[in-house]
Each structure stands twice: as C-alpha cells, then as structure tokens.
Amino acid sequence: MNRKLFKYNRALIVPNPVHGRLIRSISLILIILVLISGISFYLLAQKQLSDEYYKAHSQIQSTMEMLLPWMIAVYVVGLIATFFLSILYTRKLAGPLVRFDRELEQLSDGDYTRWIMLRHDDEFYDLAEKINTMSSATAERFRQISQCAGEVEQAAAKLKTFSESSPTDDRLKSSIGELNESSEKLQAALTDIRFEND
C-alpha cells in the first residue's frame, strides 16, 4: 500500500478536530462515571464499623482509613488508562474520517479516479466500499455521456458542414446552430471530469 495513504498510521493523535472532540467526549463521560462511583464508594466507606469488628481491630477506626489510599491510586490509574484508551479508540474513528474528507473533496471536484482506501478492520470500511462503488458507477455514466457528447458533436459538425455547403432554409440552419451550441456546452461541462487515472 501507498505510504502516503496511511501517513497518519503511526500518529497517536490524528490532526483533525473530530479526533479531539471524540477524545474529550469519551473522557468526560468516563471521568463523570468514575467520580460518581468514587463519591458513592467514599460515602459508603464512611460508615463506622460495627462494635464487634471495632473491638477486634481497634487500630482501624473506619474502612475509609484503610481503603482511601488504594481507592485514590486505583482511580488515578483508571483515569490515565481511560484517557489513553479513548485516544486509541477514537483514532480508529478519526483516521478514516480524515481520509473520507480528503477523498470526497477530490470527488466533489469531479475527480472520479480517487478511491477511499481503508484497512479491512477500520470502522468505516463498508461505507468506503459503497462510496467507491458509487464513484465508479458515476464515472462510468459520465464516460457514457462523454461518448454521446462526442458523437453529438461529430453529428453537429457534419450537419454544419452540410448546411454551409448546400442551400437550406433558415429554420434548419438555426436548429443546427442550436445543436452545435448545445454540443459545445456539453463538451465543456465534461472537460473538468476525470474518469480514469491519466
């Protein structure tokens, strides 16, 4: 595969605003969930131990004294892991979106030679294949239109030559002129469209 095609492959963060928004959204949701569970755990752990347990272990006054350092450590590690996992997950979404954006811009400019190339395990692989199929079908239709436009142009040129060499009425000359103009407009519209890799 082309190295340029996957130039973002090794980048941890794809240089696209979508990736940043996805990371922030997922991280915010996970941080809120971690905070809610941490606060709930803290409130439950504040309850004093029962008298029987307190007598047996007089050094531990509450479960919070024992669990608080571990709870904080687990939540800090969890938040860090969540942040990096959200970067890795959203990268699988943002990378293909960057390629979609680039190739669809070329496609909208009339370049039907462009294909959206994704890895088989990318999230949007099926969508890329459908867009590639649509692009190919559209290019084929434009190719057929271009061929017809060429035939119309040739016919118009023959009619024009015929009308100039033989006496005809004004209506026929006018119709031939309109046909010639339409042929030129159609040909001009098709000149910006690329159907094959040239």
N, C-alpha and C. Protein backbone atom coordinates (compact mmCIF):
# COMPACT_ATOMS: atom_id res chain seq x y z
N MET A 1 0.83 -1.19 0.00
CA MET A 1 0.00 0.00 0.00
C MET A 1 0.87 1.24 0.00
N ASN A 2 0.27 2.29 -0.43
CA ASN A 2 0.97 3.55 -0.55
C ASN A 2 1.29 4.12 0.83
N ARG A 3 2.56 4.53 1.04
CA ARG A 3 2.95 5.10 2.34
C ARG A 3 2.19 6.38 2.62
N LYS A 4 1.99 7.18 1.58
CA LYS A 4 1.30 8.46 1.76
C LYS A 4 -0.14 8.25 2.19
N LEU A 5 -0.75 7.16 1.72
CA LEU A 5 -2.13 6.88 2.05
C LEU A 5 -2.35 6.75 3.55
N PHE A 6 -1.42 6.12 4.25
CA PHE A 6 -1.57 5.93 5.68
C PHE A 6 -0.53 6.73 6.45
N LYS A 7 -0.37 8.00 6.09
CA LYS A 7 0.65 8.81 6.74
C LYS A 7 0.32 9.07 8.20
N TYR A 8 -0.94 8.93 8.60
CA TYR A 8 -1.31 9.14 10.00
C TYR A 8 -1.25 7.84 10.79
N ASN A 9 -0.80 6.76 10.17
CA ASN A 9 -0.82 5.44 10.80
C ASN A 9 -0.08 5.41 12.12
N ARG A 10 1.07 6.06 12.21
CA ARG A 10 1.87 5.99 13.43
C ARG A 10 1.55 7.12 14.41
N ALA A 11 0.79 8.08 14.00
CA ALA A 11 0.47 9.20 14.87
C ALA A 11 -0.54 8.75 15.91
N LEU A 12 -0.28 9.09 17.16
CA LEU A 12 -1.21 8.72 18.22
C LEU A 12 -2.49 9.55 18.13
N ILE A 13 -2.33 10.82 17.85
CA ILE A 13 -3.48 11.70 17.72
C ILE A 13 -3.54 12.18 16.27
N VAL A 14 -4.68 11.96 15.64
CA VAL A 14 -4.87 12.37 14.25
C VAL A 14 -5.10 13.88 14.24
N PRO A 15 -4.39 14.61 13.39
CA PRO A 15 -4.53 16.08 13.37
C PRO A 15 -5.84 16.49 12.71
N ASN A 16 -6.92 16.32 13.44
CA ASN A 16 -8.24 16.64 12.94
C ASN A 16 -9.10 17.02 14.14
N PRO A 17 -9.92 18.07 14.02
CA PRO A 17 -10.75 18.48 15.17
C PRO A 17 -11.71 17.40 15.64
N VAL A 18 -12.13 16.51 14.74
CA VAL A 18 -13.06 15.45 15.12
C VAL A 18 -12.43 14.55 16.17
N HIS A 19 -11.16 14.21 16.00
CA HIS A 19 -10.48 13.33 16.95
C HIS A 19 -10.45 13.95 18.34
N GLY A 20 -10.12 15.23 18.41
CA GLY A 20 -10.09 15.92 19.70
C GLY A 20 -11.45 15.93 20.38
N ARG A 21 -12.51 16.19 19.60
CA ARG A 21 -13.85 16.21 20.17
C ARG A 21 -14.25 14.83 20.68
N LEU A 22 -13.92 13.78 19.92
CA LEU A 22 -14.24 12.42 20.37
C LEU A 22 -13.51 12.07 21.65
N ILE A 23 -12.24 12.42 21.73
CA ILE A 23 -11.45 12.14 22.94
C ILE A 23 -12.05 12.87 24.13
N ARG A 24 -12.36 14.15 23.96
CA ARG A 24 -12.93 14.93 25.07
C ARG A 24 -14.28 14.36 25.50
N SER A 25 -15.13 14.00 24.56
CA SER A 25 -16.45 13.48 24.90
C SER A 25 -16.36 12.17 25.67
N ILE A 26 -15.59 11.24 25.14
CA ILE A 26 -15.47 9.94 25.81
C ILE A 26 -14.80 10.09 27.17
N SER A 27 -13.75 10.89 27.23
CA SER A 27 -13.06 11.09 28.51
C SER A 27 -13.97 11.74 29.53
N LEU A 28 -14.75 12.73 29.12
CA LEU A 28 -15.67 13.41 30.04
C LEU A 28 -16.69 12.43 30.60
N ILE A 29 -17.26 11.61 29.75
CA ILE A 29 -18.24 10.63 30.21
C ILE A 29 -17.61 9.66 31.21
N LEU A 30 -16.43 9.16 30.88
CA LEU A 30 -15.78 8.21 31.78
C LEU A 30 -15.34 8.86 33.09
N ILE A 31 -14.88 10.10 33.04
CA ILE A 31 -14.48 10.80 34.26
C ILE A 31 -15.69 11.01 35.16
N ILE A 32 -16.82 11.38 34.57
CA ILE A 32 -18.04 11.56 35.36
C ILE A 32 -18.44 10.24 36.02
N LEU A 33 -18.39 9.15 35.27
CA LEU A 33 -18.73 7.84 35.85
C LEU A 33 -17.77 7.46 36.97
N VAL A 34 -16.49 7.70 36.78
CA VAL A 34 -15.50 7.38 37.82
C VAL A 34 -15.75 8.24 39.06
N LEU A 35 -16.03 9.52 38.88
CA LEU A 35 -16.29 10.39 40.02
C LEU A 35 -17.55 9.97 40.78
N ILE A 36 -18.60 9.63 40.05
CA ILE A 36 -19.83 9.20 40.72
C ILE A 36 -19.58 7.92 41.52
N SER A 37 -18.88 6.96 40.92
CA SER A 37 -18.61 5.72 41.67
C SER A 37 -17.66 5.99 42.83
N GLY A 38 -16.69 6.87 42.67
CA GLY A 38 -15.77 7.20 43.76
C GLY A 38 -16.47 7.87 44.93
N ILE A 39 -17.34 8.82 44.62
CA ILE A 39 -18.09 9.51 45.68
C ILE A 39 -19.01 8.52 46.40
N SER A 40 -19.67 7.65 45.63
CA SER A 40 -20.54 6.64 46.25
C SER A 40 -19.74 5.73 47.17
N PHE A 41 -18.60 5.28 46.69
CA PHE A 41 -17.74 4.41 47.49
C PHE A 41 -17.27 5.13 48.75
N TYR A 42 -16.90 6.39 48.62
CA TYR A 42 -16.43 7.18 49.75
C TYR A 42 -17.53 7.31 50.80
N LEU A 43 -18.74 7.63 50.37
CA LEU A 43 -19.85 7.79 51.32
C LEU A 43 -20.18 6.48 52.02
N LEU A 44 -20.15 5.38 51.28
CA LEU A 44 -20.43 4.09 51.91
C LEU A 44 -19.33 3.68 52.89
N ALA A 45 -18.10 4.02 52.56
CA ALA A 45 -16.98 3.63 53.42
C ALA A 45 -16.89 4.49 54.68
N GLN A 46 -17.58 5.60 54.72
CA GLN A 46 -17.55 6.47 55.89
C GLN A 46 -18.31 5.88 57.08
N LYS A 47 -19.16 4.92 56.79
CA LYS A 47 -19.91 4.32 57.89
C LYS A 47 -18.94 3.64 58.86
N GLN A 48 -19.21 3.80 60.10
CA GLN A 48 -18.35 3.19 61.13
C GLN A 48 -18.53 1.68 61.14
N LEU A 49 -17.48 1.02 61.47
CA LEU A 49 -17.55 -0.43 61.58
C LEU A 49 -18.41 -0.81 62.78
N SER A 50 -18.95 -1.97 62.70
CA SER A 50 -19.80 -2.42 63.82
C SER A 50 -18.94 -2.59 65.08
N ASP A 51 -19.60 -2.57 66.23
CA ASP A 51 -18.88 -2.65 67.51
C ASP A 51 -18.04 -3.92 67.63
N GLU A 52 -18.55 -5.04 67.14
CA GLU A 52 -17.80 -6.28 67.26
C GLU A 52 -16.50 -6.21 66.46
N TYR A 53 -16.59 -5.74 65.27
CA TYR A 53 -15.41 -5.65 64.43
C TYR A 53 -14.46 -4.60 64.99
N TYR A 54 -15.00 -3.53 65.52
CA TYR A 54 -14.19 -2.44 66.07
C TYR A 54 -13.38 -2.94 67.27
N LYS A 55 -14.00 -3.75 68.09
CA LYS A 55 -13.29 -4.28 69.25
C LYS A 55 -12.16 -5.21 68.83
N ALA A 56 -12.41 -6.01 67.80
CA ALA A 56 -11.39 -6.96 67.36
C ALA A 56 -10.22 -6.24 66.69
N HIS A 57 -10.49 -5.19 66.02
CA HIS A 57 -9.44 -4.45 65.30
C HIS A 57 -9.51 -2.98 65.70
N SER A 58 -9.06 -2.70 66.87
CA SER A 58 -9.19 -1.34 67.40
C SER A 58 -8.32 -0.33 66.66
N GLN A 59 -7.32 -0.79 65.93
CA GLN A 59 -6.47 0.16 65.23
C GLN A 59 -7.16 0.75 64.00
N ILE A 60 -8.09 0.03 63.43
CA ILE A 60 -8.79 0.55 62.25
C ILE A 60 -10.08 1.21 62.73
N GLN A 61 -10.17 2.51 62.58
CA GLN A 61 -11.35 3.23 63.07
C GLN A 61 -12.46 3.25 62.02
N SER A 62 -12.13 3.19 60.80
CA SER A 62 -13.16 3.13 59.76
C SER A 62 -12.56 2.46 58.53
N THR A 63 -13.40 1.99 57.70
CA THR A 63 -12.91 1.36 56.48
C THR A 63 -12.24 2.38 55.57
N MET A 64 -12.58 3.63 55.71
CA MET A 64 -12.01 4.66 54.86
C MET A 64 -10.51 4.81 55.10
N GLU A 65 -10.08 4.72 56.33
CA GLU A 65 -8.65 4.84 56.63
C GLU A 65 -7.85 3.76 55.91
N MET A 66 -8.43 2.60 55.79
CA MET A 66 -7.74 1.51 55.14
C MET A 66 -7.84 1.59 53.61
N LEU A 67 -8.98 1.99 53.11
CA LEU A 67 -9.22 1.92 51.67
C LEU A 67 -8.92 3.20 50.90
N LEU A 68 -8.90 4.33 51.56
CA LEU A 68 -8.75 5.61 50.85
C LEU A 68 -7.50 5.68 49.98
N PRO A 69 -6.31 5.35 50.47
CA PRO A 69 -5.13 5.44 49.59
C PRO A 69 -5.22 4.53 48.37
N TRP A 70 -5.72 3.32 48.58
CA TRP A 70 -5.86 2.40 47.45
C TRP A 70 -6.92 2.88 46.46
N MET A 71 -7.99 3.40 47.00
CA MET A 71 -9.07 3.90 46.14
C MET A 71 -8.56 5.05 45.28
N ILE A 72 -7.81 5.96 45.87
CA ILE A 72 -7.27 7.09 45.11
C ILE A 72 -6.30 6.59 44.03
N ALA A 73 -5.45 5.64 44.39
CA ALA A 73 -4.49 5.10 43.42
C ALA A 73 -5.21 4.41 42.26
N VAL A 74 -6.23 3.63 42.58
CA VAL A 74 -6.98 2.94 41.53
C VAL A 74 -7.66 3.94 40.61
N TYR A 75 -8.25 4.99 41.17
CA TYR A 75 -8.93 5.98 40.33
C TYR A 75 -7.96 6.78 39.48
N VAL A 76 -6.80 7.11 40.00
CA VAL A 76 -5.81 7.84 39.20
C VAL A 76 -5.33 6.97 38.04
N VAL A 77 -5.00 5.72 38.34
CA VAL A 77 -4.57 4.80 37.27
C VAL A 77 -5.71 4.59 36.27
N GLY A 78 -6.92 4.47 36.77
CA GLY A 78 -8.08 4.30 35.89
C GLY A 78 -8.30 5.49 34.98
N LEU A 79 -8.14 6.70 35.52
CA LEU A 79 -8.31 7.90 34.69
C LEU A 79 -7.23 7.98 33.62
N ILE A 80 -6.01 7.67 33.98
CA ILE A 80 -4.92 7.71 32.99
C ILE A 80 -5.16 6.65 31.91
N ALA A 81 -5.53 5.45 32.33
CA ALA A 81 -5.80 4.39 31.35
C ALA A 81 -6.98 4.76 30.46
N THR A 82 -8.01 5.35 31.06
CA THR A 82 -9.17 5.78 30.29
C THR A 82 -8.79 6.80 29.24
N PHE A 83 -7.95 7.74 29.61
CA PHE A 83 -7.52 8.77 28.67
C PHE A 83 -6.80 8.15 27.47
N PHE A 84 -5.84 7.27 27.73
CA PHE A 84 -5.09 6.67 26.63
C PHE A 84 -5.94 5.71 25.80
N LEU A 85 -6.82 4.97 26.44
CA LEU A 85 -7.70 4.08 25.69
C LEU A 85 -8.67 4.87 24.82
N SER A 86 -9.15 6.02 25.32
CA SER A 86 -10.04 6.84 24.49
C SER A 86 -9.30 7.41 23.29
N ILE A 87 -8.02 7.75 23.46
CA ILE A 87 -7.22 8.23 22.32
C ILE A 87 -7.09 7.12 21.28
N LEU A 88 -6.77 5.92 21.73
CA LEU A 88 -6.59 4.81 20.78
C LEU A 88 -7.89 4.46 20.08
N TYR A 89 -9.00 4.45 20.82
CA TYR A 89 -10.28 4.09 20.21
C TYR A 89 -10.73 5.16 19.21
N THR A 90 -10.66 6.42 19.62
CA THR A 90 -11.13 7.48 18.73
C THR A 90 -10.22 7.64 17.52
N ARG A 91 -8.97 7.21 17.63
CA ARG A 91 -8.07 7.25 16.48
C ARG A 91 -8.58 6.34 15.37
N LYS A 92 -9.18 5.22 15.75
CA LYS A 92 -9.76 4.32 14.76
C LYS A 92 -10.94 4.96 14.04
N LEU A 93 -11.56 5.95 14.66
CA LEU A 93 -12.66 6.66 14.01
C LEU A 93 -12.17 7.87 13.23
N ALA A 94 -11.27 8.63 13.83
CA ALA A 94 -10.84 9.89 13.23
C ALA A 94 -9.94 9.68 12.02
N GLY A 95 -9.10 8.67 12.04
CA GLY A 95 -8.21 8.42 10.90
C GLY A 95 -8.98 8.20 9.60
N PRO A 96 -9.95 7.28 9.59
CA PRO A 96 -10.74 7.11 8.37
C PRO A 96 -11.53 8.36 7.99
N LEU A 97 -11.99 9.12 8.98
CA LEU A 97 -12.72 10.35 8.65
C LEU A 97 -11.83 11.35 7.93
N VAL A 98 -10.56 11.41 8.29
CA VAL A 98 -9.62 12.30 7.59
C VAL A 98 -9.50 11.87 6.13
N ARG A 99 -9.38 10.56 5.90
CA ARG A 99 -9.27 10.07 4.52
C ARG A 99 -10.57 10.31 3.75
N PHE A 100 -11.72 10.11 4.41
CA PHE A 100 -13.00 10.41 3.77
C PHE A 100 -13.04 11.87 3.33
N ASP A 101 -12.68 12.76 4.23
CA ASP A 101 -12.72 14.19 3.95
C ASP A 101 -11.86 14.54 2.74
N ARG A 102 -10.65 14.05 2.72
CA ARG A 102 -9.70 14.36 1.64
C ARG A 102 -10.20 13.81 0.30
N GLU A 103 -10.62 12.56 0.27
CA GLU A 103 -11.02 11.93 -0.99
C GLU A 103 -12.36 12.45 -1.49
N LEU A 104 -13.30 12.72 -0.58
CA LEU A 104 -14.59 13.24 -1.00
C LEU A 104 -14.48 14.66 -1.54
N GLU A 105 -13.53 15.41 -1.04
CA GLU A 105 -13.29 16.75 -1.58
C GLU A 105 -12.82 16.64 -3.04
N GLN A 106 -11.93 15.71 -3.31
CA GLN A 106 -11.47 15.48 -4.68
C GLN A 106 -12.61 14.98 -5.56
N LEU A 107 -13.44 14.11 -5.01
CA LEU A 107 -14.57 13.57 -5.75
C LEU A 107 -15.57 14.67 -6.09
N SER A 108 -15.81 15.57 -5.14
CA SER A 108 -16.74 16.67 -5.40
C SER A 108 -16.20 17.65 -6.44
N ASP A 109 -14.88 17.66 -6.64
CA ASP A 109 -14.28 18.50 -7.69
C ASP A 109 -14.34 17.82 -9.05
N GLY A 110 -14.91 16.62 -9.12
CA GLY A 110 -15.07 15.94 -10.40
C GLY A 110 -13.99 14.92 -10.71
N ASP A 111 -13.13 14.62 -9.75
CA ASP A 111 -12.06 13.64 -9.97
C ASP A 111 -12.56 12.27 -9.52
N TYR A 112 -13.06 11.49 -10.48
CA TYR A 112 -13.62 10.18 -10.16
C TYR A 112 -12.56 9.07 -10.15
N THR A 113 -11.30 9.45 -10.23
CA THR A 113 -10.22 8.46 -10.15
C THR A 113 -9.83 8.17 -8.71
N ARG A 114 -10.32 8.96 -7.79
CA ARG A 114 -9.93 8.83 -6.37
C ARG A 114 -10.76 7.72 -5.73
N TRP A 115 -10.10 6.94 -4.89
CA TRP A 115 -10.74 5.88 -4.13
C TRP A 115 -10.45 6.10 -2.66
N ILE A 116 -11.40 5.79 -1.82
CA ILE A 116 -11.19 5.86 -0.38
C ILE A 116 -10.62 4.51 0.05
N MET A 117 -9.35 4.52 0.42
CA MET A 117 -8.66 3.29 0.78
C MET A 117 -8.57 3.19 2.31
N LEU A 118 -9.23 2.19 2.86
CA LEU A 118 -9.17 1.94 4.30
C LEU A 118 -8.73 0.50 4.54
N ARG A 119 -8.27 0.24 5.74
CA ARG A 119 -7.93 -1.12 6.13
C ARG A 119 -9.22 -1.90 6.37
N HIS A 120 -9.16 -3.21 6.21
CA HIS A 120 -10.36 -4.03 6.38
C HIS A 120 -10.93 -3.94 7.79
N ASP A 121 -10.11 -3.65 8.79
CA ASP A 121 -10.60 -3.60 10.16
C ASP A 121 -11.01 -2.19 10.59
N ASP A 122 -10.94 -1.20 9.69
CA ASP A 122 -11.38 0.15 10.03
C ASP A 122 -12.90 0.18 10.19
N GLU A 123 -13.36 1.09 11.03
CA GLU A 123 -14.78 1.17 11.36
C GLU A 123 -15.66 1.47 10.14
N PHE A 124 -15.16 2.28 9.22
CA PHE A 124 -15.97 2.74 8.10
C PHE A 124 -15.61 2.05 6.79
N TYR A 125 -15.04 0.86 6.85
CA TYR A 125 -14.60 0.16 5.65
C TYR A 125 -15.76 -0.09 4.68
N ASP A 126 -16.89 -0.58 5.20
CA ASP A 126 -18.04 -0.88 4.34
C ASP A 126 -18.56 0.38 3.66
N LEU A 127 -18.62 1.48 4.41
CA LEU A 127 -19.07 2.74 3.83
C LEU A 127 -18.12 3.20 2.73
N ALA A 128 -16.83 3.06 2.94
CA ALA A 128 -15.85 3.45 1.92
C ALA A 128 -16.04 2.61 0.66
N GLU A 129 -16.29 1.32 0.82
CA GLU A 129 -16.51 0.46 -0.34
C GLU A 129 -17.75 0.89 -1.12
N LYS A 130 -18.81 1.27 -0.42
CA LYS A 130 -20.03 1.72 -1.10
C LYS A 130 -19.79 3.04 -1.83
N ILE A 131 -19.04 3.94 -1.22
CA ILE A 131 -18.73 5.20 -1.89
C ILE A 131 -17.85 4.95 -3.10
N ASN A 132 -16.90 4.03 -2.99
CA ASN A 132 -16.06 3.69 -4.14
C ASN A 132 -16.88 3.09 -5.28
N THR A 133 -17.85 2.24 -4.94
CA THR A 133 -18.73 1.66 -5.95
C THR A 133 -19.56 2.75 -6.61
N MET A 134 -20.09 3.68 -5.80
CA MET A 134 -20.87 4.79 -6.34
C MET A 134 -20.02 5.65 -7.26
N SER A 135 -18.79 5.92 -6.85
CA SER A 135 -17.88 6.74 -7.65
C SER A 135 -17.59 6.07 -8.99
N SER A 136 -17.36 4.78 -8.94
CA SER A 136 -17.07 4.03 -10.16
C SER A 136 -18.28 4.04 -11.11
N ALA A 137 -19.47 3.82 -10.55
CA ALA A 137 -20.69 3.83 -11.37
C ALA A 137 -20.94 5.22 -11.95
N THR A 138 -20.72 6.26 -11.16
CA THR A 138 -20.90 7.63 -11.65
C THR A 138 -19.90 7.94 -12.74
N ALA A 139 -18.66 7.51 -12.56
CA ALA A 139 -17.64 7.73 -13.59
C ALA A 139 -18.03 7.03 -14.89
N GLU A 140 -18.57 5.82 -14.77
CA GLU A 140 -18.99 5.09 -15.97
C GLU A 140 -20.14 5.82 -16.68
N ARG A 141 -21.08 6.34 -15.91
CA ARG A 141 -22.19 7.09 -16.52
C ARG A 141 -21.67 8.35 -17.21
N PHE A 142 -20.75 9.06 -16.55
CA PHE A 142 -20.18 10.25 -17.18
C PHE A 142 -19.37 9.88 -18.43
N ARG A 143 -18.71 8.74 -18.39
CA ARG A 143 -17.95 8.29 -19.55
C ARG A 143 -18.90 8.06 -20.73
N GLN A 144 -20.06 7.44 -20.44
CA GLN A 144 -21.05 7.21 -21.49
C GLN A 144 -21.61 8.53 -22.01
N ILE A 145 -21.87 9.47 -21.10
CA ILE A 145 -22.36 10.79 -21.51
C ILE A 145 -21.32 11.49 -22.36
N SER A 146 -20.07 11.37 -21.96
CA SER A 146 -18.99 12.00 -22.72
C SER A 146 -18.89 11.40 -24.12
N GLN A 147 -19.04 10.10 -24.20
CA GLN A 147 -19.00 9.44 -25.51
C GLN A 147 -20.17 9.92 -26.37
N CYS A 148 -21.36 10.00 -25.77
CA CYS A 148 -22.53 10.50 -26.51
C CYS A 148 -22.32 11.95 -26.92
N ALA A 149 -21.73 12.74 -26.05
CA ALA A 149 -21.48 14.15 -26.38
C ALA A 149 -20.53 14.25 -27.56
N GLY A 150 -19.54 13.38 -27.61
CA GLY A 150 -18.62 13.37 -28.75
C GLY A 150 -19.33 13.01 -30.04
N GLU A 151 -20.22 12.03 -29.96
CA GLU A 151 -20.99 11.64 -31.14
C GLU A 151 -21.91 12.77 -31.59
N VAL A 152 -22.55 13.45 -30.63
CA VAL A 152 -23.42 14.59 -30.97
C VAL A 152 -22.59 15.70 -31.60
N GLU A 153 -21.41 15.93 -31.05
CA GLU A 153 -20.54 16.97 -31.60
C GLU A 153 -20.14 16.65 -33.04
N GLN A 154 -19.82 15.39 -33.30
CA GLN A 154 -19.46 14.99 -34.66
C GLN A 154 -20.65 15.15 -35.61
N ALA A 155 -21.83 14.74 -35.14
CA ALA A 155 -23.03 14.88 -35.97
C ALA A 155 -23.33 16.35 -36.23
N ALA A 156 -23.17 17.18 -35.21
CA ALA A 156 -23.41 18.62 -35.37
C ALA A 156 -22.43 19.22 -36.36
N ALA A 157 -21.18 18.78 -36.28
CA ALA A 157 -20.17 19.30 -37.22
C ALA A 157 -20.51 18.89 -38.65
N LYS A 158 -20.94 17.64 -38.84
CA LYS A 158 -21.33 17.19 -40.18
C LYS A 158 -22.52 17.99 -40.70
N LEU A 159 -23.53 18.20 -39.82
CA LEU A 159 -24.70 18.98 -40.22
C LEU A 159 -24.32 20.41 -40.56
N LYS A 160 -23.43 20.97 -39.78
CA LYS A 160 -23.00 22.35 -40.03
C LYS A 160 -22.29 22.44 -41.38
N THR A 161 -21.41 21.48 -41.64
CA THR A 161 -20.71 21.45 -42.93
C THR A 161 -21.71 21.28 -44.07
N PHE A 162 -22.68 20.38 -43.87
CA PHE A 162 -23.69 20.15 -44.88
C PHE A 162 -24.53 21.39 -45.12
N SER A 163 -24.94 22.06 -44.02
CA SER A 163 -25.80 23.25 -44.16
C SER A 163 -25.06 24.40 -44.81
N GLU A 164 -23.77 24.50 -44.58
CA GLU A 164 -22.99 25.58 -45.20
C GLU A 164 -22.74 25.32 -46.68
N SER A 165 -22.67 24.05 -47.05
CA SER A 165 -22.37 23.74 -48.45
C SER A 165 -23.61 23.67 -49.33
N SER A 166 -24.76 23.49 -48.74
CA SER A 166 -25.97 23.40 -49.56
C SER A 166 -26.98 24.44 -49.08
N PRO A 167 -27.79 24.91 -50.01
CA PRO A 167 -28.81 25.90 -49.62
C PRO A 167 -29.91 25.23 -48.79
N THR A 168 -30.16 25.76 -47.59
CA THR A 168 -31.23 25.25 -46.72
C THR A 168 -32.00 26.44 -46.17
N ASP A 169 -33.11 26.15 -45.58
CA ASP A 169 -33.89 27.26 -45.03
C ASP A 169 -33.32 27.71 -43.70
N ASP A 170 -33.74 28.87 -43.25
CA ASP A 170 -33.21 29.50 -42.04
C ASP A 170 -33.52 28.70 -40.77
N ARG A 171 -34.67 28.06 -40.73
CA ARG A 171 -35.02 27.28 -39.54
C ARG A 171 -34.07 26.11 -39.33
N LEU A 172 -33.72 25.44 -40.40
CA LEU A 172 -32.79 24.32 -40.30
C LEU A 172 -31.42 24.81 -39.86
N LYS A 173 -30.98 25.93 -40.41
CA LYS A 173 -29.70 26.50 -40.01
C LYS A 173 -29.72 26.89 -38.54
N SER A 174 -30.83 27.47 -38.09
CA SER A 174 -30.97 27.86 -36.69
C SER A 174 -30.92 26.62 -35.78
N SER A 175 -31.62 25.57 -36.16
CA SER A 175 -31.62 24.33 -35.37
C SER A 175 -30.23 23.71 -35.31
N ILE A 176 -29.53 23.74 -36.43
CA ILE A 176 -28.18 23.19 -36.46
C ILE A 176 -27.26 24.02 -35.57
N GLY A 177 -27.43 25.34 -35.59
CA GLY A 177 -26.63 26.22 -34.73
C GLY A 177 -26.89 25.95 -33.26
N GLU A 178 -28.16 25.76 -32.89
CA GLU A 178 -28.50 25.44 -31.50
C GLU A 178 -27.92 24.08 -31.09
N LEU A 179 -28.00 23.11 -32.00
CA LEU A 179 -27.43 21.80 -31.73
C LEU A 179 -25.92 21.90 -31.51
N ASN A 180 -25.28 22.69 -32.32
CA ASN A 180 -23.84 22.89 -32.20
C ASN A 180 -23.49 23.56 -30.87
N GLU A 181 -24.27 24.58 -30.48
CA GLU A 181 -24.04 25.26 -29.18
C GLU A 181 -24.23 24.29 -28.02
N SER A 182 -25.30 23.50 -28.07
CA SER A 182 -25.56 22.53 -27.00
C SER A 182 -24.44 21.52 -26.91
N SER A 183 -23.96 21.08 -28.06
CA SER A 183 -22.86 20.13 -28.08
C SER A 183 -21.61 20.72 -27.44
N GLU A 184 -21.31 21.97 -27.75
CA GLU A 184 -20.13 22.63 -27.17
C GLU A 184 -20.27 22.80 -25.67
N LYS A 185 -21.47 23.16 -25.20
CA LYS A 185 -21.70 23.32 -23.76
C LYS A 185 -21.53 21.98 -23.04
N LEU A 186 -22.08 20.93 -23.63
CA LEU A 186 -21.96 19.61 -23.03
C LEU A 186 -20.51 19.17 -22.96
N GLN A 187 -19.79 19.40 -24.03
CA GLN A 187 -18.37 19.03 -24.06
C GLN A 187 -17.58 19.84 -23.03
N ALA A 188 -17.90 21.14 -22.89
CA ALA A 188 -17.20 21.98 -21.92
C ALA A 188 -17.48 21.52 -20.49
N ALA A 189 -18.71 21.10 -20.23
CA ALA A 189 -19.06 20.63 -18.88
C ALA A 189 -18.32 19.34 -18.53
N LEU A 190 -18.04 18.54 -19.52
CA LEU A 190 -17.39 17.26 -19.27
C LEU A 190 -15.87 17.34 -19.23
N THR A 191 -15.29 18.47 -19.61
CA THR A 191 -13.83 18.55 -19.66
C THR A 191 -13.19 18.52 -18.28
N ASP A 192 -13.88 18.97 -17.24
CA ASP A 192 -13.29 19.01 -15.90
C ASP A 192 -13.40 17.69 -15.16
N ILE A 193 -14.11 16.74 -15.72
CA ILE A 193 -14.34 15.48 -15.02
C ILE A 193 -13.30 14.46 -15.49
N ARG A 194 -12.66 13.81 -14.51
CA ARG A 194 -11.68 12.76 -14.82
C ARG A 194 -12.32 11.41 -14.53
N PHE A 195 -12.23 10.50 -15.50
CA PHE A 195 -12.85 9.19 -15.36
C PHE A 195 -11.84 8.09 -15.07
N GLU A 196 -10.63 8.26 -15.55
CA GLU A 196 -9.60 7.23 -15.41
C GLU A 196 -8.32 7.88 -14.94
N ASN A 197 -7.46 7.10 -14.36
CA ASN A 197 -6.14 7.62 -13.98
C ASN A 197 -5.35 7.91 -15.24
N ASP A 198 -5.08 9.17 -15.48
CA ASP A 198 -4.33 9.57 -16.68
C ASP A 198 -2.88 9.74 -16.35
